[in-house]
Amino acid sequence: MKLDPGKMSDWEISEAASQDAKTVHELAESLGVQPEEVIPYGPMYGKLDYRTILDRVGSSNRGKYIDVTAITPTPLGEGKTTTTIGLVEGLGALGKRVTGAIRQPSGGPTFNIKGSGAGGGIAQCIPLTDLSLGLTGDIDAVTNAHNLAMVAVTSRLQHEFNYSDKRLERRGLKRLDIDPRNPAIGWAIDLCAQALRDIVIGNGGSTDGFMMRSGFQITVSSEIMAILAVASDLADFRSRIAKMTVAYDKRGNAVSAADLEVDGAMTAIMARAINPNLMQTAEGQPVFVHAGPFANISIGQSSIVADRLGLALSDYHVTESGFGADIGFEKFWNLKCRMSGLAPDAAVIVCTIRALKLHGGGPDAQPGKKLDRVYREKNVELVERGVENLLAHIETVKKSGITPVVCLNHFVTDDDDEIRVVREAASSGGARMAVGRHWQSGGEGARELAEAVIDATQENTKFSYLYSSDSSIKQRIETIAREVYGASGVEYSAPAEQRIKAVSADPTTNAYGVCIVKTHLSLSADPTAKGRPVGWTLPVRDIFVYNGAELIVPVAGEIKLMPGTGSDPSYRRIDVDVKTGRVTGLS
């Protein structure tokens, strides 16, 4: 069947492409993976035993490493996953041995406004239904491991309140004096459930738990998801889980998962999830799906394990980072690459005419609402003003020592004169430029992009980090704020100052990476400030410490770890044909 994005929805394209898709064993065989190294979960996808494969293959092969990031997006998204998959298809169309790595879609966006994160049109990861509705259970495992930690915390609170020291000792427990007024974490659920942000638990009698304020965060923002992304293997994962702070005692000291003796059980829940998932593009190229999205509130990277597999098994490996280069690429560059020891050969910056028009002063573009006509009609002036945002992201990528490739994710409404403005801006910024028509034409539509990326990977890069690992926490925050966001400076709230002082006094935590939580809708901390804001100050209102992921997490502006569900969510259009079991309406 001919795949026609103009006439078919994403789920219909996925369903049609799946009819001729490779089996998971055929996919694995194309990578040189042995049958016993595959853990099938269905005919078309499964997990790979990464340890056995890497032990067998070793480091004899090192493919070209390409990161895909973007300009500051509209709330609609600019097709970064679509471009990641399109580039994999484009390299495949050129006969290259290629793999991709994307993050697993969260149920929050899938059932909310943005939809699934599988790509789109012909440039998507299949099967869409399975990918969007749980896949092999990684996100469920993160949810359960996270909530088990909270069960351990709340159970200990209840028992310490009700039992004497001697009674605790008879049960092999010591009093931890957990402070219910100073929680380290709450509960997790992989939905956008704003009603659960702030709750009271433990209502009832003494057998019903300890009454305290608590709340939920979306699962993919859990520290456990960040640990999954950065862990080098299961042993590393286990040691990181043990160090994860799950509560504080009444003296303000961290209480770890190991202190509560829940770290082993949490790791047991996650033991299979450390193995990357193997899927495929609509055109049959292998794609690893591992770890989760939301680089604005977490690290938002595909996993180090998946990237190491891809680099060992292919000549070109394309990985995805969340949101714009100010967030996703910055964390890829200064956190993920530092932790993995890997250095990229090229980076792709995805942009759209739509986003450039918004940054040039166009009206709001909101999900669920009809786009203003300015986004469907020619307006060169808005594009010319909006390229300042693109230029800022080009400069960010170039500071890492690699030359970016700008990919204009092509929409049918794009005008040639508008495209010319983008091409000239990219050239003036010192970047290559390609128009990607992968949504409509798959690999054939991504040939120009693939050729530009191959060309970029031939350059001698001088990759280096933005800041040294021995710089202070404040120096790192302020360097990112000035050099990447374009801020004039940073101001800290009193609680943030206190937390930085405490963290800086500990030489272990002082060496952690800095993972800033910030809006993805602006280079600044103000989501309404479009283009390239100047003369503003980054407000750091709090500091989280992720001892397991080894991250210092400054919170800039009003950011919530639990998104809300909009008035026209995607779940209104998702259904099941009860006669066939086919899921319809996913996008």
Protein backbone atom coordinates (compact mmCIF):
# COMPACT_ATOMS: atom_id res chain seq x y z
CA MET A 1 0.00 0.00 0.00
CA LYS A 2 1.28 3.47 -0.89
CA LEU A 3 1.82 5.58 2.22
CA ASP A 4 0.24 9.00 1.72
CA PRO A 5 0.45 11.39 4.70
CA GLY A 6 -1.82 13.81 2.87
CA LYS A 7 -4.67 11.31 3.00
CA MET A 8 -3.75 9.01 5.90
CA SER A 9 -3.42 9.67 9.63
CA ASP A 10 -0.26 8.66 11.49
CA TRP A 11 -1.88 5.57 12.96
CA GLU A 12 -3.13 4.50 9.52
CA ILE A 13 0.37 4.92 8.06
CA SER A 14 1.83 2.90 10.93
CA GLU A 15 -0.73 0.17 10.46
CA ALA A 16 -0.06 -0.01 6.70
CA ALA A 17 3.74 0.06 7.12
CA SER A 18 3.55 -2.65 9.76
CA GLN A 19 2.12 -5.10 7.23
CA ASP A 20 5.50 -5.25 5.45
CA ALA A 21 7.70 -4.59 8.49
CA LYS A 22 10.67 -6.70 9.52
CA THR A 23 10.38 -9.05 12.46
CA VAL A 24 12.43 -8.14 15.53
CA HIS A 25 14.83 -11.00 14.69
CA GLU A 26 15.27 -9.72 11.11
CA LEU A 27 15.96 -6.25 12.49
CA ALA A 28 18.50 -7.64 14.92
CA GLU A 29 20.14 -9.74 12.20
CA SER A 30 20.57 -6.62 10.04
CA LEU A 31 22.69 -5.21 12.90
CA GLY A 32 24.72 -8.37 13.40
CA VAL A 33 22.91 -9.20 16.63
CA GLN A 34 22.63 -12.89 17.49
CA PRO A 35 19.17 -14.48 18.04
CA GLU A 36 19.96 -15.28 21.68
CA GLU A 37 20.73 -11.61 22.29
CA VAL A 38 17.14 -10.62 21.43
CA ILE A 39 14.37 -10.55 24.04
CA PRO A 40 11.19 -10.45 21.89
CA TYR A 41 8.03 -8.79 23.20
CA GLY A 42 6.08 -9.25 19.99
CA PRO A 43 6.66 -10.02 16.31
CA MET A 44 8.06 -6.56 15.48
CA TYR A 45 9.90 -5.34 18.57
CA GLY A 46 11.70 -6.40 21.71
CA LYS A 47 14.66 -5.69 23.92
CA LEU A 48 18.36 -6.31 23.32
CA ASP A 49 20.72 -7.85 25.85
CA TYR A 50 23.12 -4.91 25.75
CA ARG A 51 25.79 -6.49 27.99
CA THR A 52 26.17 -9.63 25.88
CA ILE A 53 26.25 -7.62 22.66
CA LEU A 54 28.79 -5.05 23.85
CA ASP A 55 30.97 -7.77 25.39
CA ARG A 56 30.96 -9.63 22.08
CA VAL A 57 31.31 -6.69 19.70
CA GLY A 58 33.69 -4.64 21.86
CA SER A 59 34.85 -1.22 20.73
CA SER A 60 36.21 -2.19 17.32
CA ASN A 61 33.53 -0.12 15.57
CA ARG A 62 32.74 3.50 16.36
CA GLY A 63 30.04 4.96 14.13
CA LYS A 64 29.51 8.65 13.51
CA TYR A 65 27.53 10.21 16.37
CA ILE A 66 24.80 12.72 15.46
CA ASP A 67 22.54 14.59 17.88
CA VAL A 68 19.19 16.07 16.83
CA THR A 69 17.97 19.17 18.63
CA ALA A 70 15.84 22.18 17.61
CA ILE A 71 15.14 25.89 17.86
CA THR A 72 12.79 27.12 20.59
CA PRO A 73 9.56 25.34 19.67
CA THR A 74 5.95 26.44 19.57
CA PRO A 75 3.61 24.53 21.91
CA LEU A 76 2.76 22.40 18.85
CA GLY A 77 6.29 20.99 18.52
CA GLU A 78 8.43 21.37 15.41
CA GLY A 79 8.95 17.73 14.43
CA LYS A 80 12.23 16.87 16.13
CA THR A 81 11.40 13.16 16.48
CA THR A 82 10.00 13.21 12.95
CA THR A 83 13.31 14.64 11.74
CA THR A 84 15.33 12.14 13.78
CA ILE A 85 13.45 9.27 12.13
CA GLY A 86 13.56 11.02 8.75
CA LEU A 87 17.34 11.38 8.96
CA VAL A 88 17.68 7.68 9.81
CA GLU A 89 15.53 6.88 6.76
CA GLY A 90 17.51 9.31 4.62
CA LEU A 91 20.84 7.74 5.58
CA GLY A 92 19.26 4.37 4.89
CA ALA A 93 18.16 5.56 1.44
CA LEU A 94 21.81 6.42 0.74
CA GLY A 95 22.79 2.85 1.59
CA LYS A 96 24.34 3.65 4.96
CA ARG A 97 24.36 1.28 7.94
CA VAL A 98 22.38 3.43 10.37
CA THR A 99 20.59 3.29 13.72
CA GLY A 100 18.53 5.82 15.64
CA ALA A 101 17.74 6.40 19.31
CA ILE A 102 14.60 8.17 20.47
CA ARG A 103 12.93 8.56 23.83
CA GLN A 104 9.81 6.60 24.75
CA PRO A 105 6.62 8.67 24.52
CA SER A 106 5.02 9.63 27.82
CA GLY A 107 1.38 8.86 28.43
CA GLY A 108 0.94 12.47 29.52
CA PRO A 109 1.33 14.07 26.07
CA THR A 110 -0.06 10.98 24.28
CA PHE A 111 -3.46 11.38 25.95
CA ASN A 112 -3.24 15.16 26.24
CA ILE A 113 -2.73 17.73 23.48
CA LYS A 114 0.62 17.10 21.81
CA GLY A 115 0.05 13.41 21.08
CA SER A 116 2.58 10.60 20.90
CA GLY A 117 6.30 11.09 20.27
CA ALA A 118 6.71 8.55 17.47
CA GLY A 119 7.44 11.00 14.66
CA GLY A 120 4.91 11.61 11.92
CA GLY A 121 3.92 10.90 8.35
CA ILE A 122 6.30 8.42 6.74
CA ALA A 123 9.04 9.48 9.16
CA GLN A 124 7.77 7.62 12.19
CA CYS A 125 8.69 4.73 14.44
CA ILE A 126 6.37 1.73 14.16
CA PRO A 127 4.16 0.22 15.42
CA LEU A 128 2.69 3.49 16.71
CA THR A 129 0.04 1.86 18.91
CA ASP A 130 2.46 -0.31 20.85
CA LEU A 131 5.02 2.49 21.18
CA SER A 132 2.40 4.91 22.52
CA LEU A 133 0.61 2.52 24.87
CA GLY A 134 3.33 1.16 27.13
CA LEU A 135 5.64 -0.76 24.77
CA THR A 136 7.70 -3.16 26.95
CA GLY A 137 6.73 -1.54 30.24
CA ASP A 138 9.77 0.68 30.94
CA ILE A 139 7.72 3.70 32.04
CA ASP A 140 5.48 1.47 34.16
CA ALA A 141 8.63 0.10 35.80
CA VAL A 142 9.85 3.62 36.58
CA THR A 143 6.42 4.45 38.03
CA ASN A 144 6.40 1.36 40.24
CA ALA A 145 10.01 1.74 41.40
CA HIS A 146 9.43 5.42 42.24
CA ASN A 147 6.21 4.69 44.12
CA LEU A 148 7.81 1.79 45.99
CA ALA A 149 10.31 4.30 47.37
CA MET A 150 7.40 6.42 48.60
CA VAL A 151 5.74 3.34 50.11
CA ALA A 152 8.97 2.75 52.03
CA VAL A 153 9.09 6.38 53.21
CA THR A 154 5.45 6.59 54.32
CA SER A 155 5.50 3.14 55.90
CA ARG A 156 8.58 4.01 57.95
CA LEU A 157 6.98 7.32 59.03
CA GLN A 158 3.89 5.47 60.26
CA HIS A 159 5.82 2.79 62.13
CA GLU A 160 8.26 5.22 63.72
CA PHE A 161 5.31 7.32 64.93
CA ASN A 162 3.49 4.31 66.38
CA TYR A 163 6.39 2.15 67.65
CA SER A 164 9.02 2.58 70.37
CA ASP A 165 12.73 2.24 69.58
CA LYS A 166 12.80 -1.25 71.13
CA ARG A 167 9.83 -2.37 69.08
CA LEU A 168 11.51 -1.03 65.94
CA GLU A 169 14.71 -2.88 66.86
CA ARG A 170 12.82 -6.16 67.22
CA ARG A 171 11.78 -5.70 63.59
CA GLY A 172 15.35 -5.01 62.52
CA LEU A 173 14.73 -1.27 62.04
CA LYS A 174 16.48 1.81 63.32
CA ARG A 175 14.77 5.15 63.81
CA LEU A 176 15.48 7.45 60.84
CA ASP A 177 13.47 10.43 62.13
CA ILE A 178 12.12 11.26 58.67
CA ASP A 179 10.72 14.77 58.51
CA PRO A 180 7.22 14.72 56.95
CA ARG A 181 7.37 18.50 56.47
CA ASN A 182 10.43 18.33 54.21
CA PRO A 183 9.70 15.71 51.52
CA ALA A 184 12.33 14.82 48.93
CA ILE A 185 9.95 13.19 46.45
CA GLY A 186 6.24 12.57 45.98
CA TRP A 187 4.37 9.98 43.98
CA ALA A 188 4.52 9.36 40.22
CA ILE A 189 1.95 8.75 37.50
CA ASP A 190 2.49 8.98 33.75
CA LEU A 191 -0.49 11.21 33.02
CA CYS A 192 -1.00 14.99 33.07
CA ALA A 193 -2.97 15.06 36.32
CA GLN A 194 -2.88 18.58 37.72
CA ALA A 195 -5.39 17.66 40.44
CA LEU A 196 -2.70 15.48 42.05
CA ARG A 197 0.04 18.12 42.27
CA ASP A 198 -0.74 18.92 45.91
CA ILE A 199 -2.59 16.38 48.06
CA VAL A 200 -2.94 15.20 51.65
CA ILE A 201 -2.30 11.52 52.38
CA GLY A 202 -2.81 9.35 55.45
CA ASN A 203 -6.40 10.37 56.21
CA GLY A 204 -8.05 7.99 58.67
CA GLY A 205 -6.75 6.19 61.74
CA SER A 206 -3.29 5.08 62.88
CA THR A 207 -3.40 2.07 60.56
CA ASP A 208 -4.06 4.23 57.51
CA GLY A 209 -0.64 5.82 57.23
CA PHE A 210 0.91 9.06 58.44
CA MET A 211 -1.05 12.20 57.59
CA MET A 212 1.07 14.63 55.57
CA ARG A 213 1.07 16.82 52.50
CA SER A 214 2.34 15.13 49.37
CA GLY A 215 1.83 15.22 45.63
CA PHE A 216 2.45 13.60 42.27
CA GLN A 217 4.91 14.31 39.47
CA ILE A 218 4.74 12.94 35.96
CA THR A 219 6.72 9.69 35.80
CA VAL A 220 9.18 10.80 33.14
CA SER A 221 10.37 13.59 35.47
CA SER A 222 11.33 11.05 38.14
CA GLU A 223 15.01 10.84 39.07
CA ILE A 224 14.76 7.14 38.25
CA MET A 225 14.14 8.02 34.60
CA ALA A 226 17.21 10.26 34.66
CA ILE A 227 19.22 7.38 36.16
CA LEU A 228 17.99 5.10 33.36
CA ALA A 229 19.23 7.64 30.81
CA VAL A 230 22.73 8.08 32.29
CA ALA A 231 23.56 4.68 33.82
CA SER A 232 26.35 2.82 32.04
CA ASP A 233 25.13 -0.66 33.02
CA LEU A 234 23.02 -2.49 35.60
CA ALA A 235 25.72 -2.33 38.27
CA ASP A 236 25.99 1.43 37.82
CA PHE A 237 22.20 1.68 37.86
CA ARG A 238 22.05 -0.29 41.12
CA SER A 239 24.62 1.92 42.86
CA ARG A 240 22.83 5.08 41.71
CA ILE A 241 19.45 3.86 42.98
CA ALA A 242 21.05 3.16 46.37
CA LYS A 243 22.21 6.80 46.61
CA MET A 244 18.89 8.30 45.53
CA THR A 245 17.52 10.69 48.18
CA VAL A 246 13.94 9.74 48.99
CA ALA A 247 13.44 11.78 52.20
CA TYR A 248 15.15 14.07 54.71
CA ASP A 249 15.45 13.56 58.45
CA LYS A 250 14.57 16.22 61.02
CA ARG A 251 18.14 17.52 61.00
CA GLY A 252 18.00 18.06 57.25
CA ASN A 253 20.20 15.07 56.34
CA ALA A 254 19.38 13.03 53.26
CA VAL A 255 17.69 9.65 53.69
CA SER A 256 18.59 7.36 50.79
CA ALA A 257 16.87 4.37 49.23
CA ALA A 258 19.66 2.27 50.77
CA ASP A 259 18.87 3.69 54.24
CA LEU A 260 15.33 2.39 53.80
CA GLU A 261 16.61 -0.91 52.35
CA VAL A 262 14.36 -0.48 49.34
CA ASP A 263 17.12 0.02 46.73
CA GLY A 264 17.40 -3.68 45.86
CA ALA A 265 13.68 -4.05 45.26
CA MET A 266 13.58 -0.83 43.20
CA THR A 267 16.40 -2.16 41.02
CA ALA A 268 14.63 -5.51 40.68
CA ILE A 269 11.61 -3.71 39.23
CA MET A 270 13.91 -1.90 36.78
CA ALA A 271 16.24 -4.80 35.90
CA ARG A 272 14.69 -5.53 32.49
CA ALA A 273 14.17 -1.86 31.67
CA ILE A 274 17.94 -1.28 31.45
CA ASN A 275 17.90 -3.21 28.15
CA PRO A 276 17.06 -0.87 25.22
CA ASN A 277 13.98 -1.50 23.12
CA LEU A 278 14.50 -2.27 19.43
CA MET A 279 11.92 -0.96 16.94
CA GLN A 280 12.03 0.30 13.35
CA THR A 281 11.18 3.19 11.10
CA ALA A 282 8.31 3.00 8.64
CA GLU A 283 11.00 2.13 6.07
CA GLY A 284 12.63 -0.61 8.13
CA GLN A 285 15.75 0.94 9.70
CA PRO A 286 16.54 -0.05 13.33
CA VAL A 287 15.61 2.40 16.09
CA PHE A 288 16.38 2.08 19.80
CA VAL A 289 13.69 3.45 22.12
CA HIS A 290 14.99 4.06 25.62
CA ALA A 291 14.48 6.55 28.48
CA GLY A 292 11.98 9.40 28.48
CA PRO A 293 11.19 12.94 27.29
CA PHE A 294 10.75 16.33 29.03
CA ALA A 295 14.19 17.95 28.93
CA ASN A 296 12.61 21.05 30.46
CA ILE A 297 12.01 19.24 33.78
CA SER A 298 14.56 16.41 33.54
CA ILE A 299 17.61 15.43 31.50
CA GLY A 300 15.40 14.44 28.53
CA GLN A 301 17.92 12.30 26.63
CA SER A 302 17.82 8.92 24.96
CA SER A 303 19.99 6.58 27.02
CA ILE A 304 23.76 6.23 27.08
CA VAL A 305 23.33 2.45 26.80
CA ALA A 306 21.27 2.82 23.60
CA ASP A 307 23.82 5.21 22.09
CA ARG A 308 26.71 2.87 22.88
CA LEU A 309 24.85 0.02 21.21
CA GLY A 310 24.10 2.13 18.15
CA LEU A 311 27.68 3.34 17.79
CA ALA A 312 28.98 -0.23 18.11
CA LEU A 313 26.54 -1.70 15.59
CA SER A 314 26.26 0.95 12.87
CA ASP A 315 28.27 3.46 10.86
CA TYR A 316 25.91 6.35 11.65
CA HIS A 317 23.98 6.67 14.89
CA VAL A 318 21.35 9.41 15.27
CA THR A 319 20.24 10.26 18.81
CA GLU A 320 17.57 12.68 20.01
CA SER A 321 17.68 15.39 22.70
CA GLY A 322 14.63 17.16 24.10
CA PHE A 323 13.32 20.57 23.01
CA GLY A 324 15.65 23.37 21.82
CA ALA A 325 19.44 23.50 21.83
CA ASP A 326 19.33 25.70 24.94
CA ILE A 327 17.87 22.76 26.88
CA GLY A 328 18.25 19.42 25.09
CA PHE A 329 21.55 19.98 23.32
CA GLU A 330 23.09 21.79 26.31
CA LYS A 331 22.33 18.78 28.52
CA PHE A 332 23.50 16.34 25.84
CA TRP A 333 26.73 18.34 25.48
CA ASN A 334 27.65 19.05 29.09
CA LEU A 335 25.97 16.19 30.95
CA LYS A 336 25.36 13.13 28.79
CA CYS A 337 28.60 13.36 26.78
CA ARG A 338 30.61 14.06 29.94
CA MET A 339 29.08 11.02 31.68
CA SER A 340 29.43 8.70 28.68
CA GLY A 341 32.80 9.91 27.42
CA LEU A 342 31.32 10.06 23.90
CA ALA A 343 31.77 13.05 21.59
CA PRO A 344 29.38 13.94 18.74
CA ASP A 345 30.46 14.37 15.13
CA ALA A 346 27.53 16.57 14.09
CA ALA A 347 24.30 18.11 15.36
CA VAL A 348 21.04 18.85 13.56
CA ILE A 349 18.95 21.88 14.54
CA VAL A 350 15.33 21.40 13.49
CA CYS A 351 13.32 24.51 12.65
CA THR A 352 10.04 25.31 10.96
CA ILE A 353 8.74 28.38 9.16
CA ARG A 354 5.86 28.30 11.65
CA ALA A 355 8.16 28.62 14.68
CA LEU A 356 10.26 31.32 13.01
CA LYS A 357 7.13 33.35 12.34
CA LEU A 358 6.12 33.02 16.00
CA HIS A 359 9.56 34.25 17.09
CA GLY A 360 9.30 37.06 14.58
CA GLY A 361 6.22 38.45 16.30
CA GLY A 362 3.43 36.22 14.99
CA PRO A 363 0.30 35.53 17.07
CA ASP A 364 0.10 32.70 19.59
CA ALA A 365 0.02 29.17 18.19
CA GLN A 366 -1.88 27.03 20.66
CA PRO A 367 -2.74 23.31 20.45
CA GLY A 368 -6.40 22.66 19.81
CA LYS A 369 -6.98 26.09 18.27
CA LYS A 370 -7.05 27.00 14.60
CA LEU A 371 -3.75 28.48 13.46
CA ASP A 372 -3.82 32.11 12.47
CA ARG A 373 -3.72 32.62 8.69
CA VAL A 374 -0.23 34.19 9.00
CA TYR A 375 1.12 30.66 9.54
CA ARG A 376 -0.51 29.39 6.38
CA GLU A 377 0.33 32.31 4.11
CA LYS A 378 3.55 33.88 2.88
CA ASN A 379 5.12 36.38 5.29
CA VAL A 380 8.83 36.87 4.66
CA GLU A 381 9.12 39.73 7.14
CA LEU A 382 8.12 37.60 10.12
CA VAL A 383 10.59 34.89 9.09
CA GLU A 384 13.37 37.46 8.74
CA ARG A 385 12.74 38.70 12.27
CA GLY A 386 12.37 35.17 13.66
CA VAL A 387 15.73 33.84 12.44
CA GLU A 388 17.37 35.56 15.44
CA ASN A 389 16.16 32.61 17.49
CA LEU A 390 17.69 30.16 15.01
CA LEU A 391 21.00 32.06 15.06
CA ALA A 392 21.13 31.83 18.88
CA HIS A 393 20.83 28.03 18.71
CA ILE A 394 23.44 27.80 15.95
CA GLU A 395 25.85 29.75 18.16
CA THR A 396 25.14 27.40 21.08
CA VAL A 397 25.96 24.29 19.05
CA LYS A 398 29.09 25.89 17.60
CA LYS A 399 30.38 26.62 21.12
CA SER A 400 30.70 22.85 21.58
CA GLY A 401 33.19 22.73 18.71
CA ILE A 402 31.00 21.04 16.11
CA THR A 403 29.33 22.53 13.04
CA PRO A 404 25.54 22.29 13.04
CA VAL A 405 23.25 21.35 10.19
CA VAL A 406 20.00 23.31 10.10
CA CYS A 407 17.08 21.20 8.92
CA LEU A 408 13.99 23.08 7.84
CA ASN A 409 11.20 20.59 8.55
CA HIS A 410 9.13 21.34 5.46
CA PHE A 411 5.40 22.06 5.60
CA VAL A 412 3.29 22.25 2.43
CA THR A 413 2.49 25.91 3.22
CA ASP A 414 6.18 26.95 3.18
CA ASP A 415 7.02 29.49 0.49
CA ASP A 416 10.28 29.44 -1.52
CA ASP A 417 11.11 33.02 -0.50
CA GLU A 418 10.63 32.10 3.18
CA ILE A 419 12.90 29.08 2.73
CA ARG A 420 15.51 31.29 1.09
CA VAL A 421 15.57 33.53 4.19
CA VAL A 422 16.27 30.51 6.40
CA ARG A 423 18.99 29.23 4.09
CA GLU A 424 20.72 32.63 4.04
CA ALA A 425 20.48 32.94 7.84
CA ALA A 426 21.96 29.47 8.37
CA SER A 427 24.82 30.27 6.01
CA SER A 428 25.52 33.60 7.73
CA GLY A 429 25.60 31.77 11.07
CA GLY A 430 28.16 29.27 9.79
CA ALA A 431 25.85 26.27 9.48
CA ARG A 432 24.89 23.92 6.71
CA MET A 433 21.24 23.98 5.64
CA ALA A 434 18.92 21.32 4.24
CA VAL A 435 15.20 21.20 3.56
CA GLY A 436 13.69 18.02 4.97
CA ARG A 437 10.65 16.57 3.22
CA HIS A 438 10.73 13.35 5.21
CA TRP A 439 7.20 13.69 6.66
CA GLN A 440 5.79 13.41 3.16
CA SER A 441 8.43 11.32 1.38
CA GLY A 442 10.42 9.43 4.03
CA GLY A 443 14.01 8.63 3.17
CA GLU A 444 13.80 10.04 -0.33
CA GLY A 445 12.61 13.34 1.12
CA ALA A 446 15.53 13.36 3.58
CA ARG A 447 18.34 12.79 1.08
CA GLU A 448 19.43 16.43 1.13
CA LEU A 449 19.53 16.36 4.94
CA ALA A 450 21.39 13.05 5.05
CA GLU A 451 24.01 14.28 2.58
CA ALA A 452 24.54 17.48 4.58
CA VAL A 453 24.96 15.47 7.79
CA ILE A 454 27.44 13.07 6.17
CA ASP A 455 29.40 16.08 4.95
CA ALA A 456 29.37 17.62 8.45
CA THR A 457 30.66 14.41 10.07
CA GLN A 458 33.76 14.54 7.84
CA GLU A 459 34.98 17.72 9.53
CA ASN A 460 37.69 17.62 12.16
CA THR A 461 35.74 18.65 15.25
CA LYS A 462 37.24 20.19 18.38
CA PHE A 463 34.57 19.12 20.83
CA SER A 464 34.87 20.64 24.31
CA TYR A 465 32.56 21.29 27.25
CA LEU A 466 31.11 24.68 28.13
CA TYR A 467 32.54 24.66 31.63
CA SER A 468 35.12 22.68 33.60
CA SER A 469 34.00 20.02 36.04
CA ASP A 470 35.87 21.73 38.89
CA SER A 471 34.05 25.07 38.50
CA SER A 472 31.64 25.99 41.28
CA ILE A 473 27.91 25.35 41.05
CA LYS A 474 27.18 29.05 40.70
CA GLN A 475 29.84 29.41 38.01
CA ARG A 476 28.24 26.60 36.01
CA ILE A 477 24.72 27.99 36.38
CA GLU A 478 25.83 31.47 35.39
CA THR A 479 27.90 30.23 32.45
CA ILE A 480 24.91 28.35 31.04
CA ALA A 481 22.62 31.34 31.68
CA ARG A 482 24.91 33.81 29.88
CA GLU A 483 26.46 31.67 27.15
CA VAL A 484 23.43 29.56 26.18
CA TYR A 485 20.28 31.40 27.31
CA GLY A 486 21.63 34.91 26.70
CA ALA A 487 20.83 36.14 30.22
CA SER A 488 22.48 39.20 31.71
CA GLY A 489 22.88 37.47 35.05
CA VAL A 490 21.34 35.14 37.65
CA GLU A 491 19.46 35.92 40.85
CA TYR A 492 18.91 33.32 43.57
CA SER A 493 16.10 33.01 46.09
CA ALA A 494 17.02 32.56 49.76
CA PRO A 495 16.20 28.81 49.71
CA ALA A 496 18.32 28.36 46.56
CA GLU A 497 21.24 30.19 48.19
CA GLN A 498 20.98 27.97 51.27
CA ARG A 499 20.85 24.78 49.20
CA ILE A 500 23.84 25.83 47.08
CA LYS A 501 25.82 26.58 50.23
CA ALA A 502 25.02 23.15 51.66
CA VAL A 503 25.78 21.33 48.42
CA SER A 504 29.02 23.25 47.87
CA ALA A 505 30.24 22.16 51.31
CA ASP A 506 30.11 18.52 50.19
CA PRO A 507 32.94 17.77 47.74
CA THR A 508 31.01 14.80 46.36
CA THR A 509 27.84 16.64 45.39
CA ASN A 510 29.77 19.72 44.32
CA ALA A 511 31.14 17.66 41.43
CA TYR A 512 27.67 16.73 40.13
CA GLY A 513 26.44 17.97 36.76
CA VAL A 514 24.11 20.99 36.56
CA CYS A 515 20.72 20.19 34.95
CA ILE A 516 18.65 23.38 34.84
CA VAL A 517 14.85 23.14 34.89
CA LYS A 518 13.49 25.90 32.65
CA THR A 519 10.65 26.60 30.24
CA HIS A 520 11.15 25.16 26.76
CA LEU A 521 9.01 27.86 25.14
CA SER A 522 11.61 30.63 25.37
CA LEU A 523 15.36 31.09 25.56
CA SER A 524 14.56 32.99 28.76
CA ALA A 525 12.71 31.81 31.87
CA ASP A 526 9.56 33.61 30.67
CA PRO A 527 7.57 31.37 28.28
CA THR A 528 5.95 34.43 26.64
CA ALA A 529 9.30 36.00 25.64
CA LYS A 530 9.90 34.91 22.05
CA GLY A 531 12.74 35.49 19.61
CA ARG A 532 16.08 36.21 21.28
CA PRO A 533 15.37 38.01 24.57
CA VAL A 534 18.05 40.35 25.97
CA GLY A 535 18.51 42.25 29.21
CA TRP A 536 16.86 39.69 31.46
CA THR A 537 17.94 37.81 34.59
CA LEU A 538 17.56 34.06 35.22
CA PRO A 539 15.58 33.57 38.47
CA VAL A 540 16.70 30.44 40.36
CA ARG A 541 14.06 29.82 43.00
CA ASP A 542 15.09 26.38 44.27
CA ILE A 543 17.75 23.67 43.94
CA PHE A 544 17.05 19.93 43.84
CA VAL A 545 19.82 17.39 44.46
CA TYR A 546 19.62 14.07 42.60
CA ASN A 547 22.25 11.96 44.36
CA GLY A 548 21.48 8.91 42.22
CA ALA A 549 21.66 10.64 38.86
CA GLU A 550 24.47 12.83 40.25
CA LEU A 551 22.76 16.03 39.16
CA ILE A 552 22.28 19.44 40.75
CA VAL A 553 18.90 20.67 39.46
CA PRO A 554 18.34 24.45 39.65
CA VAL A 555 14.69 25.38 39.12
CA ALA A 556 14.31 28.58 37.10
CA GLY A 557 10.94 30.32 37.10
CA GLU A 558 7.54 28.75 37.68
CA ILE A 559 8.02 25.17 36.51
CA LYS A 560 5.83 22.28 37.65
CA LEU A 561 6.86 18.61 37.54
CA MET A 562 3.25 17.67 36.78
CA PRO A 563 1.78 19.15 33.57
CA GLY A 564 -1.94 19.75 33.24
CA THR A 565 -4.46 18.28 30.81
CA GLY A 566 -5.98 20.72 28.33
CA SER A 567 -9.62 21.23 27.38
CA ASP A 568 -9.37 19.27 24.09
CA PRO A 569 -7.13 16.30 24.93
CA SER A 570 -6.19 13.57 22.47
CA TYR A 571 -7.95 10.90 24.50
CA ARG A 572 -11.25 12.20 23.10
CA ARG A 573 -10.26 10.79 19.70
CA ILE A 574 -8.65 7.49 20.74
CA ASP A 575 -10.80 4.37 20.62
CA VAL A 576 -10.78 0.63 19.93
CA ASP A 577 -12.66 -1.33 17.29
CA VAL A 578 -14.22 -3.94 19.57
CA LYS A 579 -14.53 -6.46 16.73
CA THR A 580 -10.89 -6.37 15.63
CA GLY A 581 -9.10 -4.86 18.64
CA ARG A 582 -7.55 -2.16 16.41
CA VAL A 583 -6.69 1.05 18.25
CA THR A 584 -7.64 4.16 16.28
CA GLY A 585 -7.08 7.88 16.67
CA LEU A 586 -3.48 7.94 17.93
CA SER A 587 -1.30 10.72 16.54
